[in-house]
Amino acid sequence: MSRVTGTVAFVTKPIEAPWTDGTKNLVRDLAVGLSRPTLVYSTRGETLSLGRPTLVPKGPARVPFAVRVIGELSGSPPDILHFFFAPNARSCGIARAWIRALRARGFRGATIQTVASTPKEWKRSLFFADHVVVQSEWAKQQLAEVRSSGVSVIRPATPIPVVTEERLAIARESVGASGARIITYPGDLEFSKGAWTAARAFVRLAKRIPEARVVFACRRKTPRALVVEADIAAYLRAEGLEDRAAFVGEVKDLPALLAISSVVVFPVEDLFGKVDHPLVLLEAEALGVPLVLSDYGPLLELAADAHVDSRNLDAFVAATVQIIESGAAIESTRSKKQGVGIGTTPFVEAYEQVYEQALRGRH
């Protein structure tokens, strides 16, 4: 069967640096990997990796970005409209009404909706496109309550990180990690209990492993993050561990920090605002860094060294200690694990199949 061609336009947040947002990174990597033409929008116009440019939608900046993109595409819509955002009533209502208006004018193209992160409620009204893509089997099970057909699972993916010795040295210096066993928590501060669980676990762990040091690599997404960070810092200070903890916020070179870590911990019970398989964990996996994750929802689908109930602090500490104490064995196998099963090619190919299926269904 011959391949169905067609241009795809992404209706999503601005795709531009800084690359600290999972949704932006996924759209970027998909756009640069596709062989078909793409329309990708940003606020200032940028050249993505591999030379794929972005476009700037017309209209005043005070108009919501997605609305400007919709206006740009309305005159002559492309063959595929790909909506890539976290479902919410307002955005999904606008998208549904726009698609209905385009269909009334004769638009026969395909519409794709990727569920960028878990909605608060899985309501039928949040899913409007010909085809819906979720990012985990767990999400597919949640969605089955309101929609069972026209659904695919395409797991997130990330390019395989490559770090140099120079970058590793800079990362060690930036967190005062010379000779230390680094425990990195790269989750949110304010949307789950993960940061507090990591801190409480470290208090117990620090007594058993004197060379251990904890690093909180947490992007401060809301003002509340600063409050939580200050409270955790005060707690660790009261435990006499202030000099063994670092709060580094948004990290310029996250792959290097991951690569110097003895273990990455992620004891969260809520993935609000994150892709189902957080890209930082995929990067750690690609680098061969051990992972201790909670057993929450889609995290169980990741290949971790341990999955632990985040409410069971003893089990979480025990799993982390075991990995750190077996550090020599971990280091000897790390190079064998690097890059295994990771990369964006299968991710891009899966979307190509969805595009073709959706286009054939419209013609």
Protein backbone atom coordinates (compact mmCIF):
# COMPACT_ATOMS: atom_id res chain seq x y z
CA MET A 1 0.00 0.00 0.00
CA SER A 2 1.41 3.37 -1.01
CA ARG A 3 2.24 5.94 1.65
CA VAL A 4 -0.27 8.74 2.25
CA THR A 5 1.50 12.09 2.18
CA GLY A 6 0.40 15.33 3.78
CA THR A 7 1.54 18.25 5.88
CA VAL A 8 1.11 18.16 9.66
CA ALA A 9 0.57 21.29 11.76
CA PHE A 10 1.12 21.24 15.52
CA VAL A 11 -1.38 23.11 17.68
CA THR A 12 0.39 23.32 21.02
CA LYS A 13 2.41 25.66 23.24
CA PRO A 14 5.28 27.64 21.67
CA ILE A 15 8.00 25.22 20.60
CA GLU A 16 11.15 27.07 21.59
CA ALA A 17 13.98 27.17 24.11
CA PRO A 18 14.42 26.66 26.98
CA TRP A 19 13.95 22.92 26.50
CA THR A 20 12.83 22.20 30.06
CA ASP A 21 9.26 21.17 29.27
CA GLY A 22 8.39 17.59 28.35
CA THR A 23 5.63 18.53 25.91
CA LYS A 24 7.81 21.00 24.02
CA ASN A 25 10.64 18.51 23.80
CA LEU A 26 8.38 15.76 22.44
CA VAL A 27 6.89 18.01 19.77
CA ARG A 28 10.36 19.25 18.80
CA ASP A 29 11.78 15.74 18.48
CA LEU A 30 8.75 14.53 16.55
CA ALA A 31 8.83 17.49 14.16
CA VAL A 32 12.52 17.15 13.34
CA GLY A 33 12.19 13.38 12.90
CA LEU A 34 9.25 13.38 10.49
CA SER A 35 9.90 13.02 6.78
CA ARG A 36 6.67 14.82 5.88
CA PRO A 37 6.36 18.65 5.89
CA THR A 38 5.55 20.22 9.25
CA LEU A 39 4.22 23.53 10.53
CA VAL A 40 5.64 24.30 13.97
CA TYR A 41 5.00 27.60 15.74
CA SER A 42 6.94 29.66 18.29
CA THR A 43 6.77 33.21 19.62
CA ARG A 44 9.96 34.42 18.01
CA GLY A 45 10.89 32.01 15.23
CA GLU A 46 13.70 29.55 15.85
CA THR A 47 15.63 26.89 14.04
CA LEU A 48 15.06 23.56 15.70
CA SER A 49 17.61 20.76 15.79
CA LEU A 50 18.55 19.50 12.33
CA GLY A 51 17.58 22.85 10.82
CA ARG A 52 13.78 22.57 10.95
CA PRO A 53 12.43 26.15 11.36
CA THR A 54 9.46 27.36 13.36
CA LEU A 55 6.88 29.95 12.28
CA VAL A 56 5.50 32.91 14.21
CA PRO A 57 1.69 33.23 14.12
CA LYS A 58 0.28 36.66 13.30
CA GLY A 59 -1.66 38.72 15.79
CA PRO A 60 -0.96 40.68 18.97
CA ALA A 61 0.88 38.97 21.81
CA ARG A 62 -2.06 39.57 24.15
CA VAL A 63 -4.10 37.02 22.16
CA PRO A 64 -3.55 33.48 23.52
CA PHE A 65 -0.85 31.71 21.53
CA ALA A 66 -3.00 28.72 20.53
CA VAL A 67 -5.75 31.03 19.29
CA ARG A 68 -3.21 32.83 17.08
CA VAL A 69 -2.07 29.48 15.68
CA ILE A 70 -5.66 28.49 14.95
CA GLY A 71 -6.20 31.78 13.15
CA GLU A 72 -3.06 31.18 11.08
CA LEU A 73 -4.28 27.73 10.02
CA SER A 74 -7.94 28.53 9.41
CA GLY A 75 -7.61 30.03 5.93
CA SER A 76 -6.06 26.96 4.34
CA PRO A 77 -5.77 24.15 6.89
CA PRO A 78 -3.14 21.47 6.22
CA ASP A 79 -3.86 17.77 5.82
CA ILE A 80 -3.23 16.90 9.47
CA LEU A 81 -4.00 18.98 12.55
CA HIS A 82 -2.11 17.60 15.53
CA PHE A 83 -3.22 18.96 18.93
CA PHE A 84 -0.59 18.29 21.59
CA PHE A 85 -1.49 19.64 25.04
CA ALA A 86 -2.84 18.68 28.46
CA PRO A 87 -6.64 18.28 28.18
CA ASN A 88 -8.67 21.03 29.79
CA ALA A 89 -12.24 22.16 29.27
CA ARG A 90 -11.45 25.55 27.70
CA SER A 91 -8.83 24.43 25.18
CA CYS A 92 -10.69 21.28 24.21
CA GLY A 93 -13.92 23.25 23.73
CA ILE A 94 -12.15 25.71 21.42
CA ALA A 95 -10.56 22.88 19.45
CA ARG A 96 -13.85 21.00 19.08
CA ALA A 97 -15.71 24.11 17.85
CA TRP A 98 -12.91 24.95 15.39
CA ILE A 99 -12.85 21.46 13.91
CA ARG A 100 -16.64 21.53 13.54
CA ALA A 101 -16.43 24.85 11.68
CA LEU A 102 -13.69 23.51 9.38
CA ARG A 103 -15.69 20.38 8.60
CA ALA A 104 -18.71 22.53 7.71
CA ARG A 105 -16.49 24.33 5.19
CA GLY A 106 -15.41 21.04 3.61
CA PHE A 107 -12.20 20.23 5.46
CA ARG A 108 -11.40 16.53 4.97
CA GLY A 109 -8.07 16.37 6.73
CA ALA A 110 -7.23 14.30 9.81
CA THR A 111 -7.23 15.47 13.41
CA ILE A 112 -4.94 13.95 16.06
CA GLN A 113 -4.97 14.69 19.78
CA THR A 114 -2.04 13.72 22.01
CA VAL A 115 -2.80 13.71 25.73
CA ALA A 116 0.35 15.49 26.88
CA SER A 117 -0.28 14.87 30.58
CA THR A 118 -2.94 13.31 32.77
CA PRO A 119 -6.15 15.35 33.09
CA LYS A 120 -7.73 15.80 36.50
CA GLU A 121 -10.77 13.88 35.25
CA TRP A 122 -11.16 11.60 32.23
CA LYS A 123 -14.27 13.20 30.71
CA ARG A 124 -15.66 12.39 27.26
CA SER A 125 -15.81 16.10 26.42
CA LEU A 126 -12.01 16.39 26.63
CA PHE A 127 -11.38 14.11 23.66
CA PHE A 128 -12.39 15.60 20.33
CA ALA A 129 -10.11 14.40 17.52
CA ASP A 130 -10.40 11.58 14.98
CA HIS A 131 -7.59 9.79 16.76
CA VAL A 132 -6.38 10.13 20.35
CA VAL A 133 -2.84 9.26 21.40
CA VAL A 134 -2.01 8.54 25.04
CA GLN A 135 1.48 7.92 26.39
CA SER A 136 1.06 4.81 28.53
CA GLU A 137 -1.03 1.68 28.84
CA TRP A 138 -2.18 3.06 32.18
CA ALA A 139 -3.61 6.15 30.47
CA LYS A 140 -5.32 3.99 27.85
CA GLN A 141 -7.07 2.11 30.64
CA GLN A 142 -8.26 5.38 32.19
CA LEU A 143 -9.48 6.64 28.82
CA ALA A 144 -11.36 3.40 28.11
CA GLU A 145 -14.06 4.57 30.50
CA VAL A 146 -15.10 7.28 28.03
CA ARG A 147 -13.52 6.29 24.69
CA SER A 148 -12.33 2.93 23.40
CA SER A 149 -11.97 3.36 19.63
CA GLY A 150 -9.50 5.51 17.70
CA VAL A 151 -6.94 5.35 20.52
CA SER A 152 -3.21 4.53 20.32
CA VAL A 153 -0.44 4.28 22.88
CA ILE A 154 2.82 5.96 21.84
CA ARG A 155 5.29 6.11 24.67
CA PRO A 156 7.44 9.24 25.12
CA ALA A 157 11.00 9.12 23.87
CA THR A 158 14.15 11.16 24.15
CA PRO A 159 17.36 11.37 22.15
CA ILE A 160 20.20 9.41 23.73
CA PRO A 161 22.21 11.89 25.84
CA VAL A 162 25.94 12.20 25.25
CA VAL A 163 28.06 13.85 27.94
CA THR A 164 31.76 14.68 28.00
CA GLU A 165 34.24 14.37 30.86
CA GLU A 166 34.44 18.16 30.95
CA ARG A 167 30.68 18.45 31.46
CA LEU A 168 30.78 15.78 34.16
CA ALA A 169 33.49 17.70 36.01
CA ILE A 170 31.46 20.92 35.84
CA ALA A 171 28.38 19.08 37.15
CA ARG A 172 30.31 17.67 40.11
CA GLU A 173 31.69 21.07 41.00
CA SER A 174 28.28 22.75 40.70
CA VAL A 175 26.73 20.51 43.35
CA GLY A 176 29.82 20.00 45.52
CA ALA A 177 29.88 16.35 44.57
CA SER A 178 33.57 15.49 44.63
CA GLY A 179 33.84 12.00 46.10
CA ALA A 180 30.16 11.94 47.07
CA ARG A 181 27.44 9.43 46.31
CA ILE A 182 24.83 11.57 44.62
CA ILE A 183 21.11 10.91 45.06
CA THR A 184 19.17 13.05 42.60
CA TYR A 185 15.47 13.87 42.86
CA PRO A 186 14.36 15.48 39.55
CA GLY A 187 10.63 15.82 40.23
CA ASP A 188 8.32 18.67 41.16
CA LEU A 189 8.34 20.40 44.51
CA GLU A 190 4.71 21.46 44.65
CA PHE A 191 2.55 18.92 42.78
CA SER A 192 3.32 15.75 44.72
CA LYS A 193 4.83 14.60 47.99
CA GLY A 194 7.89 13.31 46.13
CA ALA A 195 10.34 15.97 47.30
CA TRP A 196 9.36 15.53 50.94
CA THR A 197 9.59 11.75 50.64
CA ALA A 198 13.07 12.07 49.14
CA ALA A 199 14.12 14.42 51.97
CA ARG A 200 12.78 12.18 54.75
CA ALA A 201 14.37 9.15 53.15
CA PHE A 202 17.70 10.97 52.94
CA VAL A 203 17.66 11.72 56.67
CA ARG A 204 17.57 7.97 57.35
CA LEU A 205 19.93 7.07 54.55
CA ALA A 206 22.54 9.68 55.51
CA LYS A 207 23.20 7.89 58.80
CA ARG A 208 24.11 4.70 56.93
CA ILE A 209 26.07 6.25 54.03
CA PRO A 210 28.21 9.19 55.25
CA GLU A 211 29.38 10.08 51.72
CA ALA A 212 25.81 10.39 50.38
CA ARG A 213 24.56 13.76 49.15
CA VAL A 214 21.06 14.64 47.90
CA VAL A 215 20.40 16.99 45.00
CA PHE A 216 16.95 18.45 44.33
CA ALA A 217 16.87 19.30 40.62
CA CYS A 218 13.40 20.82 40.61
CA ARG A 219 12.19 23.49 38.21
CA ARG A 220 10.20 26.02 40.23
CA LYS A 221 6.93 26.11 38.33
CA THR A 222 4.83 28.16 40.76
CA PRO A 223 5.46 30.51 43.71
CA ARG A 224 4.50 27.67 46.04
CA ALA A 225 7.62 25.78 44.94
CA LEU A 226 9.78 28.33 46.75
CA VAL A 227 7.81 27.78 49.95
CA VAL A 228 8.16 24.00 49.75
CA GLU A 229 11.86 24.29 48.97
CA ALA A 230 12.44 26.57 51.98
CA ASP A 231 10.52 24.18 54.27
CA ILE A 232 12.51 21.16 53.11
CA ALA A 233 15.80 23.08 53.46
CA ALA A 234 14.83 24.05 57.03
CA TYR A 235 13.96 20.43 57.81
CA LEU A 236 17.32 19.16 56.56
CA ARG A 237 19.12 21.98 58.38
CA ALA A 238 17.43 20.96 61.63
CA GLU A 239 18.66 17.40 61.02
CA GLY A 240 22.21 18.69 60.60
CA LEU A 241 22.31 17.83 56.89
CA GLU A 242 22.32 21.30 55.35
CA ASP A 243 25.82 20.84 53.91
CA ARG A 244 24.86 17.51 52.33
CA ALA A 245 21.90 18.81 50.32
CA ALA A 246 21.73 21.01 47.22
CA PHE A 247 18.73 22.73 45.65
CA VAL A 248 19.78 23.49 42.09
CA GLY A 249 16.45 24.48 40.54
CA GLU A 250 16.43 24.42 36.74
CA VAL A 251 19.64 22.70 35.65
CA LYS A 252 21.47 23.91 32.55
CA ASP A 253 23.04 20.51 31.91
CA LEU A 254 20.67 17.92 33.32
CA PRO A 255 22.20 14.93 31.47
CA ALA A 256 25.56 15.65 33.13
CA LEU A 257 23.94 15.81 36.57
CA LEU A 258 22.15 12.53 35.93
CA ALA A 259 25.37 10.93 34.73
CA ILE A 260 27.24 11.72 37.98
CA SER A 261 24.36 10.39 40.10
CA SER A 262 24.65 7.08 41.93
CA VAL A 263 20.87 6.79 41.81
CA VAL A 264 17.88 8.84 40.62
CA VAL A 265 14.85 8.68 42.91
CA PHE A 266 11.28 9.53 41.97
CA PRO A 267 8.90 8.64 44.83
CA VAL A 268 5.87 10.53 43.49
CA GLU A 269 2.18 9.73 43.73
CA ASP A 270 0.98 12.36 41.24
CA LEU A 271 2.27 13.17 37.72
CA PHE A 272 0.30 16.39 37.28
CA GLY A 273 1.78 18.47 34.47
CA LYS A 274 4.24 15.75 33.43
CA VAL A 275 4.26 13.30 30.57
CA ASP A 276 3.37 9.77 31.67
CA HIS A 277 6.99 8.64 31.40
CA PRO A 278 8.94 11.75 32.48
CA LEU A 279 11.73 12.46 30.00
CA VAL A 280 14.29 12.97 32.77
CA LEU A 281 13.77 9.34 33.77
CA LEU A 282 14.19 8.18 30.19
CA GLU A 283 17.43 10.17 30.00
CA ALA A 284 18.66 8.56 33.20
CA GLU A 285 17.77 5.14 31.84
CA ALA A 286 19.62 5.88 28.59
CA LEU A 287 22.69 6.87 30.62
CA GLY A 288 22.52 3.64 32.60
CA VAL A 289 21.80 5.41 35.89
CA PRO A 290 19.90 3.29 38.46
CA LEU A 291 16.29 4.32 39.11
CA VAL A 292 14.18 3.93 42.24
CA LEU A 293 10.61 4.87 41.34
CA SER A 294 7.25 4.76 43.00
CA ASP A 295 4.73 2.16 41.90
CA TYR A 296 2.27 4.85 40.80
CA GLY A 297 0.34 4.34 37.55
CA PRO A 298 2.43 4.71 34.39
CA LEU A 299 5.75 4.68 36.29
CA LEU A 300 5.33 0.92 36.64
CA GLU A 301 5.82 0.65 32.88
CA LEU A 302 9.37 2.00 33.15
CA ALA A 303 12.35 -0.33 33.55
CA ALA A 304 13.47 0.71 37.04
CA ASP A 305 15.90 -0.98 39.39
CA ALA A 306 13.15 -0.83 42.00
CA HIS A 307 9.48 0.18 42.18
CA VAL A 308 8.38 1.00 45.71
CA ASP A 309 5.19 2.26 47.32
CA SER A 310 6.11 5.89 48.02
CA ARG A 311 4.18 5.71 51.31
CA ASN A 312 6.52 2.97 52.56
CA LEU A 313 9.54 4.99 53.60
CA ASP A 314 11.42 1.99 54.98
CA ALA A 315 11.14 0.11 51.69
CA PHE A 316 12.17 3.18 49.72
CA VAL A 317 15.24 3.76 51.88
CA ALA A 318 16.19 0.07 51.73
CA ALA A 319 16.00 -0.02 47.92
CA THR A 320 18.09 3.14 47.58
CA VAL A 321 20.72 2.01 50.07
CA GLN A 322 21.06 -1.35 48.35
CA ILE A 323 21.77 0.34 45.02
CA ILE A 324 24.33 2.77 46.47
CA GLU A 325 26.12 0.03 48.42
CA SER A 326 26.37 -2.05 45.25
CA GLY A 327 27.89 0.92 43.44
CA ALA A 328 30.84 -1.01 42.02
CA ALA A 329 28.53 -3.53 40.39
CA ILE A 330 26.33 -0.73 39.11
CA GLU A 331 29.28 1.05 37.50
CA SER A 332 30.47 -2.15 35.82
CA THR A 333 27.12 -2.66 34.12
CA ARG A 334 26.26 0.99 33.41
CA SER A 335 28.03 1.08 30.04
CA LYS A 336 26.10 -2.02 28.95
CA LYS A 337 22.78 -0.36 29.77
CA GLN A 338 23.46 2.97 28.09
CA GLY A 339 21.08 3.70 25.22
CA VAL A 340 19.29 0.35 25.44
CA GLY A 341 15.74 0.70 24.14
CA ILE A 342 15.98 4.48 24.02
CA GLY A 343 15.82 6.87 21.08
CA THR A 344 13.26 8.78 19.07
CA THR A 345 13.10 6.71 15.87
CA PRO A 346 10.37 4.24 17.03
CA PHE A 347 8.46 7.20 18.51
CA VAL A 348 8.46 9.07 15.19
CA GLU A 349 7.59 5.96 13.19
CA ALA A 350 4.61 5.26 15.46
CA TYR A 351 3.22 8.74 14.81
CA GLU A 352 3.75 8.30 11.05
CA GLN A 353 1.53 5.22 11.24
CA VAL A 354 -1.14 7.14 13.17
CA TYR A 355 -1.09 9.95 10.59
CA GLU A 356 -1.51 7.53 7.71
CA GLN A 357 -4.29 5.63 9.45
CA ALA A 358 -6.15 8.84 10.26
CA LEU A 359 -5.76 10.22 6.71
CA ARG A 360 -7.01 7.01 5.14
CA GLY A 361 -10.00 7.11 7.46
CA ARG A 362 -10.95 10.59 6.17
CA HIS A 363 -10.76 9.73 2.45
